[in-house]
Each structure stands twice: as structure tokens, then as C-alpha cells.
């Protein structure tokens, strides 16, 4: 069985949330959860690093961003 890693950014009214999940199509588990004011900044800094390494395949854009 192949597992996939997911980086999920959810924006809220006051706080944003960044999730790092692992799993299959049927089931995922959260490995890391960040909440706070600077989560969007952190997410935007992680994306170019993963992109340069060829580790990104966007699954969904909009709200939430994956």
C-alpha cells in the first residue's frame, strides 16, 4: 500500500492552520499541526522549497489549499 504526504493550509477569520498529514485515499493521520498568525507565511515559504525539489503535486486550490 502506498502512502502520500499532504500539506494543507486552512485560513480562518482569526487564525490559520497548517496540517502535515500522511495516509492513503481512505485514511490519513495528522503528523504536525501549526496554528497562529504566521502559518500563511510559513506555508508560503515551504512551497518554493518543495517545488524546487520536485516534491509538489497540487491536489486542490482555493479553500482549503493543498
PDB file of N, CA and C in Angstrom:
ATOM      1  N   UNK A   1       0.844  -1.170   0.000  1.00  0.00           N
ATOM      2  CA  UNK A   1       0.000   0.000   0.000  1.00  0.00           C
ATOM      3  C   UNK A   1       0.897   1.244   0.000  1.00  0.00           C
ATOM      4  N   UNK A   2       0.587   2.189  -0.856  1.00  0.00           N
ATOM      5  CA  UNK A   2       1.359   3.422  -0.985  1.00  0.00           C
ATOM      6  C   UNK A   2       0.740   4.527  -0.145  1.00  0.00           C
ATOM      7  N   UNK A   3       1.592   5.238   0.596  1.00  0.00           N
ATOM      8  CA  UNK A   3       1.123   6.350   1.401  1.00  0.00           C
ATOM      9  C   UNK A   3       1.552   7.666   0.781  1.00  0.00           C
ATOM     10  N   UNK A   4       0.759   8.685   0.992  1.00  0.00           N
ATOM     11  CA  UNK A   4       1.009  10.005   0.434  1.00  0.00           C
ATOM     12  C   UNK A   4       1.079  11.016   1.562  1.00  0.00           C
ATOM     13  N   UNK A   5       1.904  12.044   1.380  1.00  0.00           N
ATOM     14  CA  UNK A   5       2.023  13.136   2.345  1.00  0.00           C
ATOM     15  C   UNK A   5       1.226  14.328   1.832  1.00  0.00           C
ATOM     16  N   UNK A   6       0.497  14.977   2.736  1.00  0.00           N
ATOM     17  CA  UNK A   6      -0.345  16.114   2.378  1.00  0.00           C
ATOM     18  C   UNK A   6       0.043  17.322   3.223  1.00  0.00           C
ATOM     19  N   UNK A   7       0.226  18.455   2.583  1.00  0.00           N
ATOM     20  CA  UNK A   7       0.438  19.723   3.267  1.00  0.00           C
ATOM     21  C   UNK A   7      -0.807  20.560   3.014  1.00  0.00           C
ATOM     22  N   UNK A   8      -1.549  20.851   4.066  1.00  0.00           N
ATOM     23  CA  UNK A   8      -2.853  21.502   3.937  1.00  0.00           C
ATOM     24  C   UNK A   8      -2.835  22.828   4.690  1.00  0.00           C
ATOM     25  N   UNK A   9      -3.247  23.890   4.015  1.00  0.00           N
ATOM     26  CA  UNK A   9      -3.376  25.199   4.652  1.00  0.00           C
ATOM     27  C   UNK A   9      -4.851  25.571   4.686  1.00  0.00           C
ATOM     28  N   UNK A  10      -5.351  25.867   5.888  1.00  0.00           N
ATOM     29  CA  UNK A  10      -6.729  26.304   6.058  1.00  0.00           C
ATOM     30  C   UNK A  10      -6.701  27.703   6.658  1.00  0.00           C
ATOM     31  N   UNK A  11      -7.352  28.641   5.993  1.00  0.00           N
ATOM     32  CA  UNK A  11      -7.385  30.001   6.539  1.00  0.00           C
ATOM     33  C   UNK A  11      -8.722  30.223   7.226  1.00  0.00           C
ATOM     34  N   UNK A  12      -8.653  30.881   8.378  1.00  0.00           N
ATOM     35  CA  UNK A  12      -9.845  31.193   9.141  1.00  0.00           C
ATOM     36  C   UNK A  12      -9.965  32.677   9.359  1.00  0.00           C
ATOM     37  N   UNK A  13     -11.001  33.092  10.055  1.00  0.00           N
ATOM     38  CA  UNK A  13     -11.220  34.516  10.311  1.00  0.00           C
ATOM     39  C   UNK A  13     -10.109  35.094  11.177  1.00  0.00           C
ATOM     40  N   UNK A  14      -9.778  34.402  12.250  1.00  0.00           N
ATOM     41  CA  UNK A  14      -8.772  34.929  13.169  1.00  0.00           C
ATOM     42  C   UNK A  14      -7.460  34.162  13.088  1.00  0.00           C
ATOM     43  N   UNK A  15      -7.531  32.848  12.990  1.00  0.00           N
ATOM     44  CA  UNK A  15      -6.330  32.025  12.978  1.00  0.00           C
ATOM     45  C   UNK A  15      -6.324  31.116  11.761  1.00  0.00           C
ATOM     46  N   UNK A  16      -5.135  30.844  11.286  1.00  0.00           N
ATOM     47  CA  UNK A  16      -4.957  29.908  10.189  1.00  0.00           C
ATOM     48  C   UNK A  16      -4.379  28.618  10.751  1.00  0.00           C
ATOM     49  N   UNK A  17      -4.453  27.556   9.949  1.00  0.00           N
ATOM     50  CA  UNK A  17      -3.967  26.260  10.391  1.00  0.00           C
ATOM     51  C   UNK A  17      -3.211  25.596   9.250  1.00  0.00           C
ATOM     52  N   UNK A  18      -2.075  25.010   9.566  1.00  0.00           N
ATOM     53  CA  UNK A  18      -1.256  24.294   8.606  1.00  0.00           C
ATOM     54  C   UNK A  18      -1.129  22.860   9.098  1.00  0.00           C
ATOM     55  N   UNK A  19      -1.522  21.903   8.265  1.00  0.00           N
ATOM     56  CA  UNK A  19      -1.502  20.490   8.634  1.00  0.00           C
ATOM     57  C   UNK A  19      -0.545  19.729   7.735  1.00  0.00           C
ATOM     58  N   UNK A  20       0.186  18.810   8.317  1.00  0.00           N
ATOM     59  CA  UNK A  20       1.039  17.895   7.566  1.00  0.00           C
ATOM     60  C   UNK A  20       0.519  16.496   7.864  1.00  0.00           C
ATOM     61  N   UNK A  21      -0.107  15.882   6.873  1.00  0.00           N
ATOM     62  CA  UNK A  21      -0.756  14.588   7.034  1.00  0.00           C
ATOM     63  C   UNK A  21      -0.068  13.518   6.199  1.00  0.00           C
ATOM     64  N   UNK A  22      -0.247  12.263   6.610  1.00  0.00           N
ATOM     65  CA  UNK A  22       0.218  11.114   5.857  1.00  0.00           C
ATOM     66  C   UNK A  22      -0.928  10.112   5.800  1.00  0.00           C
ATOM     67  N   UNK A  23      -1.009   9.405   4.677  1.00  0.00           N
ATOM     68  CA  UNK A  23      -2.047   8.391   4.590  1.00  0.00           C
ATOM     69  C   UNK A  23      -2.315   7.939   3.180  1.00  0.00           C
ATOM     70  N   UNK A  24      -3.416   7.235   3.057  1.00  0.00           N
ATOM     71  CA  UNK A  24      -3.875   6.720   1.773  1.00  0.00           C
ATOM     72  C   UNK A  24      -5.146   7.469   1.393  1.00  0.00           C
ATOM     73  N   UNK A  25      -5.755   7.064   0.289  1.00  0.00           N
ATOM     74  CA  UNK A  25      -7.006   7.705  -0.120  1.00  0.00           C
ATOM     75  C   UNK A  25      -8.110   7.488   0.912  1.00  0.00           C
ATOM     76  N   UNK A  26      -8.060   6.363   1.614  1.00  0.00           N
ATOM     77  CA  UNK A  26      -9.113   6.015   2.560  1.00  0.00           C
ATOM     78  C   UNK A  26      -8.936   6.623   3.949  1.00  0.00           C
ATOM     79  N   UNK A  27      -7.670   6.767   4.387  1.00  0.00           N
ATOM     80  CA  UNK A  27      -7.438   7.202   5.759  1.00  0.00           C
ATOM     81  C   UNK A  27      -6.145   8.013   5.864  1.00  0.00           C
ATOM     82  N   UNK A  28      -6.195   9.130   6.616  1.00  0.00           N
ATOM     83  CA  UNK A  28      -4.997   9.940   6.842  1.00  0.00           C
ATOM     84  C   UNK A  28      -4.823  10.194   8.338  1.00  0.00           C
ATOM     85  N   UNK A  29      -3.594  10.471   8.723  1.00  0.00           N
ATOM     86  CA  UNK A  29      -3.269  10.835  10.098  1.00  0.00           C
ATOM     87  C   UNK A  29      -2.473  12.131  10.079  1.00  0.00           C
ATOM     88  N   UNK A  30      -2.739  13.006  11.032  1.00  0.00           N
ATOM     89  CA  UNK A  30      -2.027  14.273  11.121  1.00  0.00           C
ATOM     90  C   UNK A  30      -0.738  14.069  11.905  1.00  0.00           C
ATOM     91  N   UNK A  31       0.386  14.421  11.281  1.00  0.00           N
ATOM     92  CA  UNK A  31       1.682  14.328  11.939  1.00  0.00           C
ATOM     93  C   UNK A  31       2.072  15.630  12.607  1.00  0.00           C
ATOM     94  N   UNK A  32       1.660  16.756  12.005  1.00  0.00           N
ATOM     95  CA  UNK A  32       2.050  18.065  12.514  1.00  0.00           C
ATOM     96  C   UNK A  32       0.913  19.042  12.278  1.00  0.00           C
ATOM     97  N   UNK A  33       0.610  19.854  13.293  1.00  0.00           N
ATOM     98  CA  UNK A  33      -0.435  20.883  13.176  1.00  0.00           C
ATOM     99  C   UNK A  33       0.115  22.190  13.736  1.00  0.00           C
ATOM    100  N   UNK A  34       0.102  23.224  12.915  1.00  0.00           N
ATOM    101  CA  UNK A  34       0.536  24.557  13.340  1.00  0.00           C
ATOM    102  C   UNK A  34      -0.659  25.499  13.269  1.00  0.00           C
ATOM    103  N   UNK A  35      -0.822  26.324  14.293  1.00  0.00           N
ATOM    104  CA  UNK A  35      -1.897  27.317  14.319  1.00  0.00           C
ATOM    105  C   UNK A  35      -1.295  28.658  14.703  1.00  0.00           C
ATOM    106  N   UNK A  36      -1.881  29.721  14.187  1.00  0.00           N
ATOM    107  CA  UNK A  36      -1.438  31.039  14.584  1.00  0.00           C
ATOM    108  C   UNK A  36      -1.407  32.032  13.450  1.00  0.00           C
ATOM    109  N   UNK A  37      -0.838  33.198  13.765  1.00  0.00           N
ATOM    110  CA  UNK A  37      -0.832  34.306  12.813  1.00  0.00           C
ATOM    111  C   UNK A  37       0.124  34.085  11.651  1.00  0.00           C
ATOM    112  N   UNK A  38       1.228  33.397  11.867  1.00  0.00           N
ATOM    113  CA  UNK A  38       2.259  33.291  10.838  1.00  0.00           C
ATOM    114  C   UNK A  38       2.202  31.984  10.046  1.00  0.00           C
ATOM    115  N   UNK A  39       1.114  31.252  10.147  1.00  0.00           N
ATOM    116  CA  UNK A  39       1.033  29.983   9.419  1.00  0.00           C
ATOM    117  C   UNK A  39       0.995  30.200   7.909  1.00  0.00           C
ATOM    118  N   UNK A  40       0.341  31.247   7.436  1.00  0.00           N
ATOM    119  CA  UNK A  40       0.301  31.507   5.999  1.00  0.00           C
ATOM    120  C   UNK A  40       1.703  31.827   5.486  1.00  0.00           C
ATOM    121  N   UNK A  41       2.450  32.616   6.252  1.00  0.00           N
ATOM    122  CA  UNK A  41       3.825  32.949   5.883  1.00  0.00           C
ATOM    123  C   UNK A  41       4.687  31.675   5.843  1.00  0.00           C
ATOM    124  N   UNK A  42       4.511  30.805   6.817  1.00  0.00           N
ATOM    125  CA  UNK A  42       5.254  29.541   6.858  1.00  0.00           C
ATOM    126  C   UNK A  42       4.907  28.672   5.653  1.00  0.00           C
ATOM    127  N   UNK A  43       3.614  28.568   5.346  1.00  0.00           N
ATOM    128  CA  UNK A  43       3.152  27.783   4.198  1.00  0.00           C
ATOM    129  C   UNK A  43       3.761  28.324   2.905  1.00  0.00           C
ATOM    130  N   UNK A  44       3.755  29.647   2.739  1.00  0.00           N
ATOM    131  CA  UNK A  44       4.294  30.257   1.525  1.00  0.00           C
ATOM    132  C   UNK A  44       5.808  30.109   1.410  1.00  0.00           C
ATOM    133  N   UNK A  45       6.505  29.900   2.519  1.00  0.00           N
ATOM    134  CA  UNK A  45       7.945  29.666   2.473  1.00  0.00           C
ATOM    135  C   UNK A  45       8.274  28.207   2.181  1.00  0.00           C
ATOM    136  N   UNK A  46       7.410  27.297   2.609  1.00  0.00           N
ATOM    137  CA  UNK A  46       7.630  25.861   2.394  1.00  0.00           C
ATOM    138  C   UNK A  46       7.403  25.485   0.929  1.00  0.00           C
ATOM    139  N   UNK A  47       6.397  26.067   0.285  1.00  0.00           N
ATOM    140  CA  UNK A  47       6.043  25.693  -1.092  1.00  0.00           C
ATOM    141  C   UNK A  47       7.187  25.822  -2.094  1.00  0.00           C
ATOM    142  N   UNK A  48       7.926  26.940  -2.134  1.00  0.00           N
ATOM    143  CA  UNK A  48       9.025  27.029  -3.108  1.00  0.00           C
ATOM    144  C   UNK A  48      10.128  25.998  -2.856  1.00  0.00           C
ATOM    145  N   UNK A  49      10.366  25.677  -1.605  1.00  0.00           N
ATOM    146  CA  UNK A  49      11.389  24.674  -1.278  1.00  0.00           C
ATOM    147  C   UNK A  49      10.976  23.311  -1.810  1.00  0.00           C
ATOM    148  N   UNK A  50       9.726  22.925  -1.568  1.00  0.00           N
ATOM    149  CA  UNK A  50       9.238  21.637  -2.069  1.00  0.00           C
ATOM    150  C   UNK A  50       9.162  21.620  -3.591  1.00  0.00           C
ATOM    151  N   UNK A  51       8.818  22.749  -4.179  1.00  0.00           N
ATOM    152  CA  UNK A  51       8.724  22.850  -5.631  1.00  0.00           C
ATOM    153  C   UNK A  51      10.084  22.657  -6.292  1.00  0.00           C
ATOM    154  N   UNK A  52      11.130  23.277  -5.740  1.00  0.00           N
ATOM    155  CA  UNK A  52      12.475  23.122  -6.293  1.00  0.00           C
ATOM    156  C   UNK A  52      12.953  21.685  -6.227  1.00  0.00           C
ATOM    157  N   UNK A  53      12.521  20.961  -5.192  1.00  0.00           N
ATOM    158  CA  UNK A  53      12.928  19.568  -5.026  1.00  0.00           C
ATOM    159  C   UNK A  53      12.052  18.618  -5.853  1.00  0.00           C
ATOM    160  N   UNK A  54      11.002  19.147  -6.484  1.00  0.00           N
ATOM    161  CA  UNK A  54      10.105  18.317  -7.288  1.00  0.00           C
ATOM    162  C   UNK A  54       9.180  17.461  -6.455  1.00  0.00           C
ATOM    163  N   UNK A  55       8.840  17.941  -5.277  1.00  0.00           N
ATOM    164  CA  UNK A  55       8.032  17.164  -4.335  1.00  0.00           C
ATOM    165  C   UNK A  55       6.566  17.590  -4.273  1.00  0.00           C
ATOM    166  N   UNK A  56       6.132  18.468  -5.167  1.00  0.00           N
ATOM    167  CA  UNK A  56       4.771  19.001  -5.077  1.00  0.00           C
ATOM    168  C   UNK A  56       3.912  18.529  -6.242  1.00  0.00           C
ATOM    169  N   UNK A  57       2.724  18.086  -5.891  1.00  0.00           N
ATOM    170  CA  UNK A  57       1.667  17.826  -6.861  1.00  0.00           C
ATOM    171  C   UNK A  57       0.390  18.438  -6.284  1.00  0.00           C
ATOM    172  N   UNK A  58      -0.033  19.613  -6.769  1.00  0.00           N
ATOM    173  CA  UNK A  58      -1.236  20.239  -6.204  1.00  0.00           C
ATOM    174  C   UNK A  58      -2.470  19.365  -6.433  1.00  0.00           C
ATOM    175  N   UNK A  59      -3.230  19.153  -5.378  1.00  0.00           N
ATOM    176  CA  UNK A  59      -4.446  18.366  -5.478  1.00  0.00           C
ATOM    177  C   UNK A  59      -5.671  19.251  -5.559  1.00  0.00           C
ATOM    178  N   UNK A  60      -5.617  20.381  -4.841  1.00  0.00           N
ATOM    179  CA  UNK A  60      -6.763  21.275  -4.791  1.00  0.00           C
ATOM    180  C   UNK A  60      -6.249  22.677  -4.489  1.00  0.00           C
ATOM    181  N   UNK A  61      -6.828  23.649  -5.125  1.00  0.00           N
ATOM    182  CA  UNK A  61      -6.515  25.036  -4.790  1.00  0.00           C
ATOM    183  C   UNK A  61      -7.794  25.732  -4.425  1.00  0.00           C
ATOM    184  N   UNK A  62      -7.704  26.803  -3.716  1.00  0.00           N
ATOM    185  CA  UNK A  62      -8.890  27.507  -3.228  1.00  0.00           C
ATOM    186  C   UNK A  62      -8.915  27.405  -1.733  1.00  0.00           C
ATOM    187  N   UNK A  63     -10.050  27.100  -1.175  1.00  0.00           N
ATOM    188  CA  UNK A  63     -10.181  26.985   0.266  1.00  0.00           C
ATOM    189  C   UNK A  63     -10.704  25.609   0.623  1.00  0.00           C
ATOM    190  N   UNK A  64      -9.984  24.704   1.230  1.00  0.00           N
ATOM    191  CA  UNK A  64      -8.610  24.834   1.690  1.00  0.00           C
ATOM    192  C   UNK A  64      -7.613  24.655   0.557  1.00  0.00           C
ATOM    193  N   UNK A  65      -6.372  25.107   0.795  1.00  0.00           N
ATOM    194  CA  UNK A  65      -5.289  24.941  -0.180  1.00  0.00           C
ATOM    195  C   UNK A  65      -4.493  23.707   0.210  1.00  0.00           C
ATOM    196  N   UNK A  66      -4.251  22.878  -0.756  1.00  0.00           N
ATOM    197  CA  UNK A  66      -3.490  21.641  -0.507  1.00  0.00           C
ATOM    198  C   UNK A  66      -2.306  21.623  -1.428  1.00  0.00           C
TER     199      UNK A  66
END
